[in-house]
Amino acid sequence: MAIKGGKFLDEMRELYSNDKLEILTLEKAKELIGKRIQTIFFGYAGQDRADDFIIGEIISSYDFAKRKPFHNEDFKNRAEYWDSMDNGTAKRAKEELIILRSDGSETYITKHPYNEAFSGNDADRFVSFRIVPK
């Protein structure tokens, strides 16, 4: 579960300010599958988000959408719905990568195809991280 505030968020902000964190790239995220990391990204008007989790999977938004039931009886899942439209949504979702926790839940950390690094709320709000020592 995401940790959104309090002392942990303040600690992560301080680590970021002191250049103690790295930017989370795809290459680095692949190396970290199965490892616990702590992340931070900065949101609009101080709506920053920090988290602590074990990286489970890196998959496309499209493939993740295929796993989730859709609340429309005409489609089994959101990916099937996207496929039914002719607006490029499915194509974009196939190119966009997300990180899942080891329990399969969402981290809301995304890598857009035009960026080298993962981001948070907006494509230009890159995620910084550190590995949690054992």
C-alpha atoms as a PDB file:
ATOM      1  CA  MET A   1       0.000   0.000   0.000  1.00  0.00           C
ATOM      2  CA  ALA A   2       1.260   3.451  -0.872  1.00  0.00           C
ATOM      3  CA  ILE A   3       2.598   5.667   1.855  1.00  0.00           C
ATOM      4  CA  LYS A   4       1.458   9.180   1.018  1.00  0.00           C
ATOM      5  CA  GLY A   5       2.602  11.441   3.815  1.00  0.00           C
ATOM      6  CA  GLY A   6       4.076  11.914   7.219  1.00  0.00           C
ATOM      7  CA  LYS A   7       7.589  11.232   8.395  1.00  0.00           C
ATOM      8  CA  PHE A   8       8.409   8.790   5.589  1.00  0.00           C
ATOM      9  CA  LEU A   9       7.512  11.332   2.905  1.00  0.00           C
ATOM     10  CA  ASP A  10       9.582  13.984   4.688  1.00  0.00           C
ATOM     11  CA  GLU A  11      12.548  11.579   4.850  1.00  0.00           C
ATOM     12  CA  MET A  12      12.253  10.810   1.143  1.00  0.00           C
ATOM     13  CA  ARG A  13      12.078  14.531   0.296  1.00  0.00           C
ATOM     14  CA  GLU A  14      15.248  15.102   2.308  1.00  0.00           C
ATOM     15  CA  LEU A  15      17.052  12.214   0.590  1.00  0.00           C
ATOM     16  CA  TYR A  16      16.014  13.663  -2.766  1.00  0.00           C
ATOM     17  CA  SER A  17      17.225  17.142  -1.784  1.00  0.00           C
ATOM     18  CA  ASN A  18      20.592  15.681  -0.752  1.00  0.00           C
ATOM     19  CA  ASP A  19      21.028  13.748  -4.045  1.00  0.00           C
ATOM     20  CA  LYS A  20      20.777  10.362  -2.277  1.00  0.00           C
ATOM     21  CA  LEU A  21      18.247   8.906  -4.742  1.00  0.00           C
ATOM     22  CA  GLU A  22      18.454   7.674  -8.337  1.00  0.00           C
ATOM     23  CA  ILE A  23      16.017   8.191 -11.206  1.00  0.00           C
ATOM     24  CA  LEU A  24      14.089   4.971 -11.933  1.00  0.00           C
ATOM     25  CA  THR A  25      14.813   3.924 -15.509  1.00  0.00           C
ATOM     26  CA  LEU A  26      13.506   0.815 -17.260  1.00  0.00           C
ATOM     27  CA  GLU A  27      16.950  -0.785 -17.224  1.00  0.00           C
ATOM     28  CA  LYS A  28      17.297  -0.213 -13.489  1.00  0.00           C
ATOM     29  CA  ALA A  29      13.735  -1.375 -12.728  1.00  0.00           C
ATOM     30  CA  LYS A  30      14.371  -4.665 -14.551  1.00  0.00           C
ATOM     31  CA  GLU A  31      17.429  -5.250 -12.344  1.00  0.00           C
ATOM     32  CA  LEU A  32      15.340  -4.584  -9.245  1.00  0.00           C
ATOM     33  CA  ILE A  33      12.530  -7.099  -9.813  1.00  0.00           C
ATOM     34  CA  GLY A  34      12.056  -8.957  -6.530  1.00  0.00           C
ATOM     35  CA  LYS A  35      13.801  -6.253  -4.494  1.00  0.00           C
ATOM     36  CA  ARG A  36      12.313  -3.754  -2.057  1.00  0.00           C
ATOM     37  CA  ILE A  37      12.623  -0.112  -3.040  1.00  0.00           C
ATOM     38  CA  GLN A  38      11.392   3.205  -1.716  1.00  0.00           C
ATOM     39  CA  THR A  39      10.201   5.770  -4.237  1.00  0.00           C
ATOM     40  CA  ILE A  40       9.137   9.389  -4.433  1.00  0.00           C
ATOM     41  CA  PHE A  41       7.684  11.566  -7.132  1.00  0.00           C
ATOM     42  CA  PHE A  42       6.511  15.106  -6.843  1.00  0.00           C
ATOM     43  CA  GLY A  43       2.969  16.119  -7.608  1.00  0.00           C
ATOM     44  CA  TYR A  44       1.277  19.355  -8.429  1.00  0.00           C
ATOM     45  CA  ALA A  45       0.963  21.808  -5.516  1.00  0.00           C
ATOM     46  CA  GLY A  46       2.824  19.590  -3.045  1.00  0.00           C
ATOM     47  CA  GLN A  47       0.819  16.439  -3.733  1.00  0.00           C
ATOM     48  CA  ASP A  48       3.975  14.349  -3.536  1.00  0.00           C
ATOM     49  CA  ARG A  49       3.842  10.598  -3.214  1.00  0.00           C
ATOM     50  CA  ALA A  50       6.262   8.219  -1.549  1.00  0.00           C
ATOM     51  CA  ASP A  51       6.020   4.454  -1.503  1.00  0.00           C
ATOM     52  CA  ASP A  52       7.802   1.356  -0.227  1.00  0.00           C
ATOM     53  CA  PHE A  53       7.288  -1.922  -2.105  1.00  0.00           C
ATOM     54  CA  ILE A  54       8.847  -4.964  -3.739  1.00  0.00           C
ATOM     55  CA  ILE A  55       8.916  -4.755  -7.531  1.00  0.00           C
ATOM     56  CA  GLY A  56       6.908  -7.628  -8.951  1.00  0.00           C
ATOM     57  CA  GLU A  57       6.412  -7.104 -12.672  1.00  0.00           C
ATOM     58  CA  ILE A  58       6.940  -4.589 -15.399  1.00  0.00           C
ATOM     59  CA  ILE A  59       4.161  -4.941 -17.968  1.00  0.00           C
ATOM     60  CA  SER A  60       2.306  -2.878 -20.509  1.00  0.00           C
ATOM     61  CA  SER A  61      -0.770  -0.972 -19.431  1.00  0.00           C
ATOM     62  CA  TYR A  62      -2.603  -2.962 -22.092  1.00  0.00           C
ATOM     63  CA  ASP A  63      -1.630  -6.350 -20.626  1.00  0.00           C
ATOM     64  CA  PHE A  64      -2.560  -5.172 -17.148  1.00  0.00           C
ATOM     65  CA  ALA A  65      -5.943  -3.989 -18.443  1.00  0.00           C
ATOM     66  CA  LYS A  66      -6.564  -7.507 -19.829  1.00  0.00           C
ATOM     67  CA  ARG A  67      -6.364  -8.846 -16.261  1.00  0.00           C
ATOM     68  CA  LYS A  68      -9.031  -6.568 -14.847  1.00  0.00           C
ATOM     69  CA  PRO A  69     -12.735  -7.189 -15.421  1.00  0.00           C
ATOM     70  CA  PHE A  70     -14.591  -4.381 -17.148  1.00  0.00           C
ATOM     71  CA  HIS A  71     -17.947  -3.160 -15.875  1.00  0.00           C
ATOM     72  CA  ASN A  72     -19.511  -3.261 -19.340  1.00  0.00           C
ATOM     73  CA  GLU A  73     -21.215  -6.527 -20.304  1.00  0.00           C
ATOM     74  CA  ASP A  74     -20.127  -6.137 -23.938  1.00  0.00           C
ATOM     75  CA  PHE A  75     -16.416  -6.460 -23.069  1.00  0.00           C
ATOM     76  CA  LYS A  76     -14.484  -8.866 -20.838  1.00  0.00           C
ATOM     77  CA  ASN A  77     -11.881  -6.277 -19.882  1.00  0.00           C
ATOM     78  CA  ARG A  78     -10.727  -2.730 -20.577  1.00  0.00           C
ATOM     79  CA  ALA A  79      -8.165  -3.882 -23.182  1.00  0.00           C
ATOM     80  CA  GLU A  80     -10.945  -5.495 -25.199  1.00  0.00           C
ATOM     81  CA  TYR A  81     -12.884  -2.248 -24.984  1.00  0.00           C
ATOM     82  CA  TRP A  82      -9.850  -0.256 -26.172  1.00  0.00           C
ATOM     83  CA  ASP A  83      -9.453  -2.659 -29.096  1.00  0.00           C
ATOM     84  CA  SER A  84     -13.029  -1.912 -30.139  1.00  0.00           C
ATOM     85  CA  MET A  85     -12.265   1.784 -30.581  1.00  0.00           C
ATOM     86  CA  ASP A  86     -10.340   3.278 -33.461  1.00  0.00           C
ATOM     87  CA  ASN A  87      -8.659   6.108 -31.581  1.00  0.00           C
ATOM     88  CA  GLY A  88      -5.164   4.770 -30.797  1.00  0.00           C
ATOM     89  CA  THR A  89      -5.837   4.052 -27.126  1.00  0.00           C
ATOM     90  CA  ALA A  90      -4.919   0.353 -27.390  1.00  0.00           C
ATOM     91  CA  LYS A  91      -1.725   1.151 -29.300  1.00  0.00           C
ATOM     92  CA  ARG A  92      -0.640   3.701 -26.686  1.00  0.00           C
ATOM     93  CA  ALA A  93      -1.439   1.292 -23.848  1.00  0.00           C
ATOM     94  CA  LYS A  94       0.697  -1.398 -25.487  1.00  0.00           C
ATOM     95  CA  GLU A  95       3.654   1.025 -25.556  1.00  0.00           C
ATOM     96  CA  GLU A  96       3.227   2.287 -21.988  1.00  0.00           C
ATOM     97  CA  LEU A  97       4.826   0.246 -19.186  1.00  0.00           C
ATOM     98  CA  ILE A  98       3.802   0.070 -15.552  1.00  0.00           C
ATOM     99  CA  ILE A  99       5.386  -1.379 -12.438  1.00  0.00           C
ATOM    100  CA  LEU A 100       3.373  -3.744 -10.259  1.00  0.00           C
ATOM    101  CA  ARG A 101       4.102  -4.704  -6.670  1.00  0.00           C
ATOM    102  CA  SER A 102       5.012  -8.288  -5.871  1.00  0.00           C
ATOM    103  CA  ASP A 103       1.371  -8.870  -4.843  1.00  0.00           C
ATOM    104  CA  GLY A 104       0.199  -7.717  -8.306  1.00  0.00           C
ATOM    105  CA  SER A 105      -1.224  -4.390  -7.157  1.00  0.00           C
ATOM    106  CA  GLU A 106      -0.616  -1.109  -8.946  1.00  0.00           C
ATOM    107  CA  THR A 107       2.106   1.368  -7.989  1.00  0.00           C
ATOM    108  CA  TYR A 108       0.842   4.077 -10.373  1.00  0.00           C
ATOM    109  CA  ILE A 109       4.373   4.375 -11.720  1.00  0.00           C
ATOM    110  CA  THR A 110       4.420   4.550 -15.525  1.00  0.00           C
ATOM    111  CA  LYS A 111       7.005   4.647 -18.304  1.00  0.00           C
ATOM    112  CA  HIS A 112       5.801   6.432 -21.405  1.00  0.00           C
ATOM    113  CA  PRO A 113       7.477   5.363 -24.675  1.00  0.00           C
ATOM    114  CA  TYR A 114       8.955   8.824 -25.239  1.00  0.00           C
ATOM    115  CA  ASN A 115      10.694   8.925 -21.802  1.00  0.00           C
ATOM    116  CA  GLU A 116      13.745   7.078 -20.553  1.00  0.00           C
ATOM    117  CA  ALA A 117      12.497   7.002 -16.967  1.00  0.00           C
ATOM    118  CA  PHE A 118       9.356   6.095 -15.056  1.00  0.00           C
ATOM    119  CA  SER A 119       7.098   8.890 -13.885  1.00  0.00           C
ATOM    120  CA  GLY A 120       4.290   9.534 -11.463  1.00  0.00           C
ATOM    121  CA  ASN A 121       1.190  11.649 -11.965  1.00  0.00           C
ATOM    122  CA  ASP A 122       2.495  13.419 -15.048  1.00  0.00           C
ATOM    123  CA  ALA A 123       4.943  12.177 -17.662  1.00  0.00           C
ATOM    124  CA  ASP A 124       7.496  14.795 -16.628  1.00  0.00           C
ATOM    125  CA  ARG A 125       7.447  14.005 -12.889  1.00  0.00           C
ATOM    126  CA  PHE A 126      10.120  11.334 -12.755  1.00  0.00           C
ATOM    127  CA  VAL A 127      10.303   8.750  -9.984  1.00  0.00           C
ATOM    128  CA  SER A 128      13.372   8.721  -7.749  1.00  0.00           C
ATOM    129  CA  PHE A 129      14.221   5.670  -5.656  1.00  0.00           C
ATOM    130  CA  ARG A 130      16.570   3.895  -3.339  1.00  0.00           C
ATOM    131  CA  ILE A 131      17.042   0.219  -2.637  1.00  0.00           C
ATOM    132  CA  VAL A 132      16.005  -0.757   0.884  1.00  0.00           C
ATOM    133  CA  PRO A 133      18.942  -2.456   2.562  1.00  0.00           C
ATOM    134  CA  LYS A 134      18.305  -5.950   3.884  1.00  0.00           C
END
